[in-house]
């Protein structure tokens, strides 16, 4: 209704001005007319205007109602316009743009699907020659050369995994299964997957996680997420002899997993941006180890799994990343009570 009156305001103002001009014209010409005749004409014209406005609103009410609605859903809605020419024209134009939009969206979705399918196949295909190269390294007599090649192959493998998981994020809802899993087991598996990096950098993992702690998460995605945190912790430890601590803190209904390193830390001006994609920061540029995607993926995956991520860092002393997870035992007890 508000939009209707805004639309008709010029007409109403024009009518008022016209009604004022009629008695003014009689007064200027000097023709005396009884006041009740002029008043009758004004009322008659006003009644005609009200009938017109009522008819206008009745024939255009669907259009005004839809345009005035503040509730915008995700699905496109184009209501039936009625028989009036203007709503009919608006309806036809919106229908035309809706059809173009859906066609473009469909083409975009098809290209995205093809791109993701290609990326997944390509990553899996690349893992085969990497495995062959790793087997062939054992035939090299120079241990230093073979170890260097292994390091580079490990980096390639980690990079391929990152590409694969990044592509899978588009269809995360079809590729995860939340279950009750031991937190110590998950943390140990993540460390084992990156044991070569720990050994090469001379970093020692330290655990303070009770074997009884159970959490709800997806094992595959959580290991990848924790692996990204561990890779950052090791790469930015600053040198051999340091430690990476993994500790669990009971928060009642939740468990907080703290991953603390003794590394170079993060500059204060970079802390609020480390979760942005492709952001490496000053320390990342110095060490040339960062892709800028690790913590971004951690935050994205954690959000989809219902976990929370926190980061604290002191420059020159180290960084602590905390993951808040739902305690599985409490959920089980609540379900059986």
Protein backbone atom coordinates (compact mmCIF):
# COMPACT_ATOMS: atom_id res chain seq x y z
CA UNK A 1 0.00 0.00 0.00
CA UNK A 2 2.86 2.36 0.84
CA UNK A 3 4.43 1.85 -2.58
CA UNK A 4 1.05 2.39 -4.25
CA UNK A 5 0.60 5.81 -2.62
CA UNK A 6 4.15 6.78 -3.51
CA UNK A 7 3.43 5.86 -7.10
CA UNK A 8 0.13 7.79 -7.21
CA UNK A 9 1.33 10.84 -5.27
CA UNK A 10 2.06 12.95 -8.41
CA UNK A 11 -1.48 12.29 -9.67
CA UNK A 12 -3.06 13.27 -6.33
CA UNK A 13 -0.98 16.46 -6.14
CA UNK A 14 -1.86 17.33 -9.71
CA UNK A 15 -5.58 16.83 -8.92
CA UNK A 16 -5.34 19.12 -5.84
CA UNK A 17 -3.68 21.84 -7.88
CA UNK A 18 -6.35 21.51 -10.56
CA UNK A 19 -9.17 21.79 -8.00
CA UNK A 20 -7.62 24.99 -6.65
CA UNK A 21 -7.30 26.47 -10.11
CA UNK A 22 -11.03 26.15 -10.90
CA UNK A 23 -12.34 28.59 -8.21
CA UNK A 24 -9.32 30.81 -8.85
CA UNK A 25 -10.28 31.01 -12.52
CA UNK A 26 -13.88 31.98 -11.66
CA UNK A 27 -12.62 34.63 -9.24
CA UNK A 28 -10.24 36.15 -11.82
CA UNK A 29 -12.95 36.34 -14.49
CA UNK A 30 -15.35 38.01 -12.07
CA UNK A 31 -18.12 35.48 -12.61
CA UNK A 32 -19.83 34.95 -9.29
CA UNK A 33 -20.82 31.39 -8.66
CA UNK A 34 -22.46 29.94 -5.53
CA UNK A 35 -19.87 28.29 -3.30
CA UNK A 36 -21.90 25.10 -3.01
CA UNK A 37 -21.73 24.55 -6.79
CA UNK A 38 -17.94 24.74 -6.79
CA UNK A 39 -17.79 22.52 -3.72
CA UNK A 40 -20.08 20.02 -5.40
CA UNK A 41 -17.77 19.93 -8.43
CA UNK A 42 -14.74 19.36 -6.25
CA UNK A 43 -16.43 16.52 -4.36
CA UNK A 44 -17.63 14.93 -7.60
CA UNK A 45 -14.15 15.09 -9.10
CA UNK A 46 -12.70 13.72 -5.85
CA UNK A 47 -15.11 10.80 -5.94
CA UNK A 48 -14.09 10.01 -9.52
CA UNK A 49 -10.42 10.13 -8.47
CA UNK A 50 -11.04 7.74 -5.56
CA UNK A 51 -12.83 5.30 -7.87
CA UNK A 52 -9.90 5.45 -10.26
CA UNK A 53 -7.35 4.93 -7.46
CA UNK A 54 -9.37 1.98 -6.13
CA UNK A 55 -9.53 0.41 -9.57
CA UNK A 56 -5.81 1.04 -10.09
CA UNK A 57 -4.88 -0.57 -6.78
CA UNK A 58 -7.16 -3.56 -7.36
CA UNK A 59 -5.67 -4.32 -10.79
CA UNK A 60 -2.06 -3.71 -9.69
CA UNK A 61 -2.17 -4.97 -6.10
CA UNK A 62 -0.17 -8.17 -6.79
CA UNK A 63 2.65 -6.20 -8.36
CA UNK A 64 2.72 -3.61 -5.57
CA UNK A 65 2.60 -6.32 -2.89
CA UNK A 66 5.51 -8.25 -4.39
CA UNK A 67 7.63 -5.14 -4.95
CA UNK A 68 6.97 -3.96 -1.37
CA UNK A 69 7.84 -7.31 0.25
CA UNK A 70 11.00 -7.29 2.37
CA UNK A 71 11.24 -11.09 2.46
CA UNK A 72 13.49 -12.19 -0.37
CA UNK A 73 13.87 -15.95 -0.64
CA UNK A 74 16.63 -17.84 -2.40
CA UNK A 75 14.24 -19.04 -5.10
CA UNK A 76 13.13 -16.63 -7.80
CA UNK A 77 9.44 -15.68 -7.52
CA UNK A 78 7.48 -14.04 -10.31
CA UNK A 79 3.77 -13.88 -9.36
CA UNK A 80 0.88 -13.86 -11.83
CA UNK A 81 0.36 -10.23 -12.91
CA UNK A 82 -3.39 -10.05 -13.50
CA UNK A 83 -4.97 -8.41 -16.55
CA UNK A 84 -3.58 -4.87 -16.32
CA UNK A 85 -1.11 -3.88 -19.09
CA UNK A 86 1.67 -2.63 -16.81
CA UNK A 87 1.89 -5.70 -14.52
CA UNK A 88 1.61 -7.89 -17.61
CA UNK A 89 4.56 -6.14 -19.24
CA UNK A 90 6.61 -6.31 -16.00
CA UNK A 91 5.78 -10.00 -15.64
CA UNK A 92 6.84 -10.78 -19.22
CA UNK A 93 10.11 -8.86 -18.83
CA UNK A 94 10.96 -10.55 -15.52
CA UNK A 95 10.11 -13.94 -17.01
CA UNK A 96 12.49 -13.22 -19.88
CA UNK A 97 15.34 -12.27 -17.52
CA UNK A 98 14.57 -15.24 -15.30
CA UNK A 99 14.95 -17.59 -18.25
CA UNK A 100 18.26 -15.99 -19.25
CA UNK A 101 19.49 -16.15 -15.65
CA UNK A 102 18.65 -19.85 -15.29
CA UNK A 103 20.30 -20.67 -18.61
CA UNK A 104 23.48 -18.85 -17.61
CA UNK A 105 23.42 -20.46 -14.17
CA UNK A 106 23.02 -23.90 -15.70
CA UNK A 107 25.96 -23.31 -18.07
CA UNK A 108 28.08 -22.06 -15.18
CA UNK A 109 27.19 -25.09 -13.04
CA UNK A 110 28.01 -27.44 -15.90
CA UNK A 111 31.41 -25.81 -16.44
CA UNK A 112 32.11 -25.97 -12.71
CA UNK A 113 31.17 -29.65 -12.58
CA UNK A 114 33.42 -30.40 -15.54
CA UNK A 115 36.26 -28.43 -13.97
CA UNK A 116 35.95 -30.25 -10.63
CA UNK A 117 35.74 -33.63 -12.34
CA UNK A 118 38.87 -32.85 -14.34
CA UNK A 119 40.74 -31.66 -11.23
CA UNK A 120 39.82 -34.79 -9.27
CA UNK A 121 40.90 -37.10 -12.09
CA UNK A 122 44.08 -35.15 -12.71
CA UNK A 123 45.12 -35.28 -9.05
CA UNK A 124 44.54 -39.02 -8.87
CA UNK A 125 46.46 -39.54 -12.11
CA UNK A 126 49.40 -37.51 -10.81
CA UNK A 127 49.64 -39.67 -7.70
CA UNK A 128 50.52 -42.71 -9.80
CA UNK A 129 53.77 -41.33 -11.29
CA UNK A 130 54.70 -39.98 -7.86
CA UNK A 131 54.41 -43.50 -6.42
CA UNK A 132 56.49 -44.89 -9.29
CA UNK A 133 59.18 -42.26 -8.74
CA UNK A 134 59.28 -43.04 -5.02
CA UNK A 135 59.84 -46.72 -5.78
CA UNK A 136 62.56 -45.86 -8.29
CA UNK A 137 64.45 -43.68 -5.79
CA UNK A 138 65.54 -46.76 -3.87
CA UNK A 139 67.80 -47.68 -6.80
CA UNK A 140 69.84 -44.49 -6.46
CA UNK A 141 73.21 -44.93 -4.82
CA UNK A 142 73.52 -41.34 -3.64
CA UNK A 143 71.50 -41.16 -0.41
CA UNK A 144 71.64 -37.37 -0.31
CA UNK A 145 70.19 -37.08 -3.80
CA UNK A 146 67.45 -39.63 -3.10
CA UNK A 147 66.50 -37.87 0.13
CA UNK A 148 66.26 -34.55 -1.68
CA UNK A 149 64.01 -36.09 -4.32
CA UNK A 150 61.82 -37.63 -1.59
CA UNK A 151 61.40 -34.23 0.02
CA UNK A 152 60.27 -32.67 -3.24
CA UNK A 153 57.91 -35.57 -3.95
CA UNK A 154 56.41 -35.15 -0.50
CA UNK A 155 55.77 -31.48 -1.22
CA UNK A 156 54.13 -32.38 -4.53
CA UNK A 157 51.95 -34.97 -2.81
CA UNK A 158 50.85 -32.47 -0.15
CA UNK A 159 50.11 -29.92 -2.84
CA UNK A 160 47.98 -32.40 -4.77
CA UNK A 161 46.06 -33.26 -1.61
CA UNK A 162 45.36 -29.58 -1.05
CA UNK A 163 44.06 -29.20 -4.60
CA UNK A 164 41.85 -32.28 -4.17
CA UNK A 165 40.35 -31.17 -0.87
CA UNK A 166 39.83 -27.63 -2.15
CA UNK A 167 37.86 -29.01 -5.10
CA UNK A 168 35.82 -31.27 -2.82
CA UNK A 169 34.74 -28.32 -0.70
CA UNK A 170 32.24 -27.42 -3.44
CA UNK A 171 30.32 -30.61 -2.66
CA UNK A 172 31.20 -30.99 0.99
CA UNK A 173 27.69 -32.08 1.97
CA UNK A 174 28.07 -35.22 -0.18
CA UNK A 175 31.53 -36.13 1.10
CA UNK A 176 31.48 -36.24 4.89
CA UNK A 177 30.20 -38.48 7.67
CA UNK A 178 30.22 -37.29 11.28
CA UNK A 179 30.91 -40.00 13.85
CA UNK A 180 32.29 -40.49 17.33
CA UNK A 181 36.08 -40.80 17.12
CA UNK A 182 38.94 -40.78 19.62
CA UNK A 183 40.69 -37.41 19.55
CA UNK A 184 44.08 -38.86 20.52
CA UNK A 185 43.81 -41.34 17.64
CA UNK A 186 43.01 -38.62 15.13
CA UNK A 187 45.84 -36.40 16.34
CA UNK A 188 48.33 -39.27 16.23
CA UNK A 189 47.31 -40.20 12.69
CA UNK A 190 47.74 -36.59 11.56
CA UNK A 191 51.24 -36.49 13.06
CA UNK A 192 52.15 -39.84 11.48
CA UNK A 193 51.04 -38.60 8.07
CA UNK A 194 53.49 -35.72 8.45
CA UNK A 195 56.25 -37.61 10.29
CA UNK A 196 58.77 -37.09 7.48
CA UNK A 197 58.31 -33.33 7.77
CA UNK A 198 58.78 -33.50 11.55
CA UNK A 199 61.96 -35.55 11.14
CA UNK A 200 63.37 -33.39 8.35
CA UNK A 201 62.81 -30.18 10.33
CA UNK A 202 63.96 -31.69 13.63
CA UNK A 203 60.67 -30.91 15.40
CA UNK A 204 59.25 -33.10 18.18
CA UNK A 205 55.49 -33.58 18.69
CA UNK A 206 54.23 -33.65 22.28
CA UNK A 207 50.81 -35.03 23.23
CA UNK A 208 48.63 -34.16 26.22
CA UNK A 209 45.38 -35.78 25.07
CA UNK A 210 43.52 -38.35 27.14
CA UNK A 211 42.84 -41.59 25.29
CA UNK A 212 39.26 -41.58 26.60
CA UNK A 213 38.27 -38.33 24.87
CA UNK A 214 35.75 -38.87 22.08
CA UNK A 215 34.56 -36.13 19.74
CA UNK A 216 32.10 -35.86 16.90
CA UNK A 217 33.75 -35.05 13.56
CA UNK A 218 34.58 -36.45 10.14
CA UNK A 219 37.86 -38.38 10.38
CA UNK A 220 39.09 -37.69 6.85
CA UNK A 221 38.39 -33.96 6.82
CA UNK A 222 39.60 -33.49 10.39
CA UNK A 223 42.94 -35.22 9.66
CA UNK A 224 43.44 -33.00 6.63
CA UNK A 225 42.52 -29.89 8.64
CA UNK A 226 44.83 -30.85 11.50
CA UNK A 227 47.54 -31.73 8.99
CA UNK A 228 47.46 -28.20 7.58
CA UNK A 229 47.87 -26.76 11.08
CA UNK A 230 50.77 -29.11 11.84
CA UNK A 231 52.51 -28.30 8.55
CA UNK A 232 52.36 -24.60 9.39
CA UNK A 233 53.53 -25.24 12.94
CA UNK A 234 56.56 -27.25 11.75
CA UNK A 235 57.48 -25.00 8.83
CA UNK A 236 57.41 -21.89 10.99
CA UNK A 237 59.14 -23.36 14.02
CA UNK A 238 62.27 -21.51 13.02
CA UNK A 239 64.76 -24.36 13.36
CA UNK A 240 65.42 -27.85 14.78
CA UNK A 241 65.08 -28.68 18.46
CA UNK A 242 61.65 -27.09 18.88
CA UNK A 243 58.42 -28.81 19.92
CA UNK A 244 54.81 -28.80 18.75
CA UNK A 245 52.35 -29.41 21.59
CA UNK A 246 48.91 -30.96 21.08
CA UNK A 247 46.77 -30.66 24.19
CA UNK A 248 43.07 -31.21 24.89
CA UNK A 249 41.09 -29.04 27.29
CA UNK A 250 37.73 -30.16 28.69
CA UNK A 251 35.18 -27.33 28.31
CA UNK A 252 32.12 -29.21 29.58
CA UNK A 253 30.04 -29.99 26.50
CA UNK A 254 33.02 -29.28 24.24
CA UNK A 255 36.66 -30.18 23.89
CA UNK A 256 39.29 -27.66 22.86
CA UNK A 257 42.29 -29.01 21.01
CA UNK A 258 45.25 -26.64 21.27
CA UNK A 259 48.11 -26.93 18.76
CA UNK A 260 50.97 -24.76 20.02
CA UNK A 261 54.34 -24.30 18.35
CA UNK A 262 57.51 -22.57 19.51
CA UNK A 263 58.09 -20.81 16.25
CA UNK A 264 58.47 -17.36 14.82
CA UNK A 265 54.90 -16.23 15.50
CA UNK A 266 52.70 -13.95 13.42
CA UNK A 267 53.02 -10.20 13.10
CA UNK A 268 50.15 -8.37 14.90
CA UNK A 269 49.04 -6.67 11.69
CA UNK A 270 48.71 -10.06 9.96
CA UNK A 271 46.73 -11.96 12.62
CA UNK A 272 43.31 -10.83 11.37
CA UNK A 273 44.17 -11.78 7.78
CA UNK A 274 45.82 -15.20 8.09
CA UNK A 275 42.52 -16.97 7.36
CA UNK A 276 42.08 -15.11 4.07
CA UNK A 277 42.77 -17.18 0.93
CA UNK A 278 46.24 -16.76 -0.61
CA UNK A 279 47.43 -14.50 2.20
CA UNK A 280 50.99 -15.36 3.23
CA UNK A 281 52.00 -12.36 5.30
CA UNK A 282 55.45 -11.05 6.08
CA UNK A 283 56.67 -14.27 7.73
CA UNK A 284 55.38 -16.43 4.88
CA UNK A 285 57.31 -14.35 2.36
CA UNK A 286 60.45 -14.70 4.44
CA UNK A 287 60.32 -18.49 4.71
CA UNK A 288 58.84 -19.24 1.26
CA UNK A 289 56.88 -22.16 2.73
CA UNK A 290 53.36 -20.76 2.63
CA UNK A 291 50.75 -21.10 -0.10
CA UNK A 292 48.31 -18.89 1.78
CA UNK A 293 45.59 -21.57 1.56
CA UNK A 294 46.23 -23.77 4.61
CA UNK A 295 44.50 -21.75 7.32
CA UNK A 296 41.80 -20.65 4.89
CA UNK A 297 40.90 -24.31 4.27
CA UNK A 298 41.06 -25.00 8.00
CA UNK A 299 38.49 -22.30 8.71
CA UNK A 300 36.24 -23.38 5.83
CA UNK A 301 36.27 -27.06 6.83
CA UNK A 302 35.83 -26.28 10.52
CA UNK A 303 32.79 -24.15 9.74
CA UNK A 304 31.19 -26.90 7.67
CA UNK A 305 31.84 -29.46 10.43
CA UNK A 306 30.45 -27.19 13.12
CA UNK A 307 33.83 -26.62 14.80
CA UNK A 308 35.30 -23.30 15.89
CA UNK A 309 38.82 -22.04 15.17
CA UNK A 310 40.77 -19.57 17.28
CA UNK A 311 44.29 -18.25 16.82
CA UNK A 312 46.67 -16.59 19.22
CA UNK A 313 50.23 -15.61 18.40
CA UNK A 314 53.13 -13.71 19.91
CA UNK A 315 55.81 -12.57 17.52
CA UNK A 316 59.02 -14.46 18.19
CA UNK A 317 57.44 -16.86 20.72
CA UNK A 318 55.01 -19.01 18.80
CA UNK A 319 51.43 -19.55 17.68
CA UNK A 320 48.52 -21.46 19.20
CA UNK A 321 45.55 -22.61 17.13
CA UNK A 322 42.57 -23.98 19.04
CA UNK A 323 39.81 -26.16 17.63
CA UNK A 324 36.55 -26.43 19.57
CA UNK A 325 34.73 -29.74 19.00
CA UNK A 326 31.54 -31.26 20.39
CA UNK A 327 32.24 -33.92 23.00
CA UNK A 328 30.81 -37.20 21.72
CA UNK A 329 30.19 -38.87 25.08
CA UNK A 330 27.90 -36.04 26.21
CA UNK A 331 25.90 -36.27 23.00
CA UNK A 332 25.52 -40.02 23.53
CA UNK A 333 24.35 -39.60 27.09
CA UNK A 334 21.84 -36.92 26.10
CA UNK A 335 20.42 -39.20 23.41
CA UNK A 336 19.84 -42.07 25.86
CA UNK A 337 18.55 -40.05 28.82
